[in-house]
Amino acid sequence: MTAPLFPIKPLRSDLTDGVLVLEPYRQNGAWVFDDPAVGLKGEPFVAGVTEMIDRLAAEIPDADKGFRLLFSVAPFEGQQASLTWVQADPVEGHWYRADAAGDEGWLCPALFCYFPIAPPRIFVRAERMTEKTA
């Protein structure tokens, strides 16, 4: 058996319906985030997700310096968008489609730092750093 390319193990054993938060920022033109709790630093969003984030954060002043990205497997108050699982990728990631816009993006195995399996749907909202979670 071949070792996984991205040996990330889920920290959770269940699909929580709580709202989780990341704080993406731009680094060398890419959206990235840090999460010391799971050992991630400068983890990039790529392959279509960058454009999805551009849309979500378009109205946030100075979003490039950082904003809050709220996400959950359950709908929540103020959500801006929803993503639907499309398919697994041979490189261990998963493809999602933005329900309203119709474009697709790849979420790398860092997804499993937050969920034990690729959730069928993910609901998201971008907000300024000073705003509070729903």
Protein backbone atom coordinates (compact mmCIF):
# COMPACT_ATOMS: atom_id res chain seq x y z
CA MET A 1 0.00 0.00 0.00
CA THR A 2 1.34 3.42 -0.95
CA ALA A 3 1.62 6.10 1.73
CA PRO A 4 -0.75 9.05 1.21
CA LEU A 5 0.72 12.10 -0.48
CA PHE A 6 -0.86 14.33 2.19
CA PRO A 7 -0.83 12.36 5.47
CA ILE A 8 -3.41 14.49 7.29
CA LYS A 9 -5.52 12.79 9.90
CA PRO A 10 -8.89 14.19 10.99
CA LEU A 11 -8.96 15.85 14.37
CA ARG A 12 -12.68 15.20 14.60
CA SER A 13 -14.58 11.96 14.35
CA ASP A 14 -17.92 13.60 13.56
CA LEU A 15 -19.30 16.16 11.13
CA THR A 16 -20.02 19.03 13.49
CA ASP A 17 -22.74 21.43 12.40
CA GLY A 18 -21.04 24.26 14.27
CA VAL A 19 -19.52 27.22 12.46
CA LEU A 20 -15.74 27.00 12.02
CA VAL A 21 -13.49 29.97 11.24
CA LEU A 22 -10.32 30.51 9.21
CA GLU A 23 -8.57 33.82 8.59
CA PRO A 24 -7.32 33.86 4.98
CA TYR A 25 -4.93 36.54 3.71
CA ARG A 26 -2.99 37.13 0.50
CA GLN A 27 0.61 35.98 0.26
CA ASN A 28 2.49 36.24 -3.04
CA GLY A 29 -0.83 36.65 -4.85
CA ALA A 30 -2.47 33.54 -3.37
CA TRP A 31 -5.07 33.20 -0.64
CA VAL A 32 -3.53 31.31 2.28
CA PHE A 33 -4.35 30.68 5.92
CA ASP A 34 -2.61 29.67 9.12
CA ASP A 35 -4.05 27.39 11.75
CA PRO A 36 -1.50 26.55 14.45
CA ALA A 37 -4.02 24.27 16.16
CA VAL A 38 -3.73 21.80 13.26
CA GLY A 39 -0.16 22.60 12.21
CA LEU A 40 -0.90 24.61 9.06
CA LYS A 41 1.01 27.74 8.06
CA GLY A 42 0.62 29.50 4.73
CA GLU A 43 -1.74 26.75 3.52
CA PRO A 44 -2.86 27.86 0.04
CA PHE A 45 -6.28 27.78 -1.57
CA VAL A 46 -5.84 26.76 -5.22
CA ALA A 47 -7.57 25.37 -8.32
CA GLY A 48 -10.69 27.50 -8.54
CA VAL A 49 -11.14 28.15 -4.82
CA THR A 50 -9.08 31.34 -5.18
CA GLU A 51 -11.75 32.79 -7.49
CA MET A 52 -14.52 31.70 -5.13
CA ILE A 53 -12.79 33.51 -2.28
CA ASP A 54 -12.29 36.59 -4.47
CA ARG A 55 -16.09 36.76 -4.91
CA LEU A 56 -16.84 36.19 -1.24
CA ALA A 57 -14.37 38.82 -0.04
CA ALA A 58 -15.02 41.41 -2.79
CA GLU A 59 -16.88 43.83 -0.49
CA ILE A 60 -14.47 43.55 2.45
CA PRO A 61 -12.08 46.52 2.70
CA ASP A 62 -8.43 45.39 2.75
CA ALA A 63 -9.43 41.73 2.56
CA ASP A 64 -5.94 40.97 1.21
CA LYS A 65 -4.61 41.71 4.72
CA GLY A 66 -7.01 39.19 6.22
CA PHE A 67 -10.66 38.46 6.84
CA ARG A 68 -12.72 35.80 8.58
CA LEU A 69 -14.02 32.88 6.53
CA LEU A 70 -16.83 31.11 8.34
CA PHE A 71 -17.81 27.62 7.18
CA SER A 72 -20.12 24.85 8.27
CA VAL A 73 -21.78 21.68 7.02
CA ALA A 74 -25.13 23.16 8.09
CA PRO A 75 -26.77 26.35 6.83
CA PHE A 76 -26.21 29.30 9.17
CA GLU A 77 -27.44 32.87 9.48
CA GLY A 78 -25.78 35.21 7.02
CA GLN A 79 -24.19 32.55 4.84
CA GLN A 80 -23.19 33.92 1.45
CA ALA A 81 -22.70 30.77 -0.54
CA SER A 82 -22.92 27.02 -0.52
CA LEU A 83 -20.67 24.45 -2.11
CA THR A 84 -21.73 20.98 -3.17
CA TRP A 85 -19.36 18.01 -3.33
CA VAL A 86 -18.72 16.91 -6.91
CA GLN A 87 -16.07 14.21 -6.76
CA ALA A 88 -12.93 12.93 -5.10
CA ASP A 89 -9.63 13.64 -6.80
CA PRO A 90 -6.89 11.04 -7.30
CA VAL A 91 -4.46 13.39 -5.50
CA GLU A 92 -6.54 12.98 -2.32
CA GLY A 93 -8.44 16.27 -2.50
CA HIS A 94 -12.10 16.88 -3.31
CA TRP A 95 -13.86 19.01 -5.90
CA TYR A 96 -16.76 21.26 -4.92
CA ARG A 97 -19.15 23.34 -7.04
CA ALA A 98 -20.30 26.81 -5.97
CA ASP A 99 -24.07 26.39 -6.13
CA ALA A 100 -24.92 29.92 -7.29
CA ALA A 101 -21.96 30.62 -9.60
CA GLY A 102 -21.55 27.07 -10.92
CA ASP A 103 -17.75 27.07 -10.94
CA GLU A 104 -15.71 24.31 -9.33
CA GLY A 105 -12.75 24.36 -6.99
CA TRP A 106 -10.45 21.82 -5.37
CA LEU A 107 -10.08 21.53 -1.62
CA CYS A 108 -6.85 19.84 -0.61
CA PRO A 109 -6.56 17.21 2.14
CA ALA A 110 -6.29 20.00 4.74
CA LEU A 111 -10.10 19.72 4.59
CA PHE A 112 -9.65 16.68 6.82
CA CYS A 113 -8.20 18.82 9.59
CA TYR A 114 -11.77 20.06 10.05
CA PHE A 115 -13.96 17.16 8.88
CA PRO A 116 -13.49 13.37 9.09
CA ILE A 117 -14.94 12.95 5.59
CA ALA A 118 -15.54 15.31 2.68
CA PRO A 119 -18.92 16.84 3.56
CA PRO A 120 -21.67 16.73 0.95
CA ARG A 121 -22.24 20.50 1.35
CA ILE A 122 -20.28 23.37 2.85
CA PHE A 123 -21.87 26.73 3.67
CA VAL A 124 -19.62 29.82 3.80
CA ARG A 125 -19.49 33.51 4.63
CA ALA A 126 -16.69 36.07 4.50
CA GLU A 127 -16.63 38.96 6.97
CA ARG A 128 -14.33 41.65 8.25
CA MET A 129 -12.03 40.69 11.10
CA THR A 130 -13.92 42.95 13.53
CA GLU A 131 -17.30 41.25 13.01
CA LYS A 132 -18.54 38.45 15.23
CA THR A 133 -19.55 34.90 14.31
CA ALA A 134 -23.26 34.19 13.84
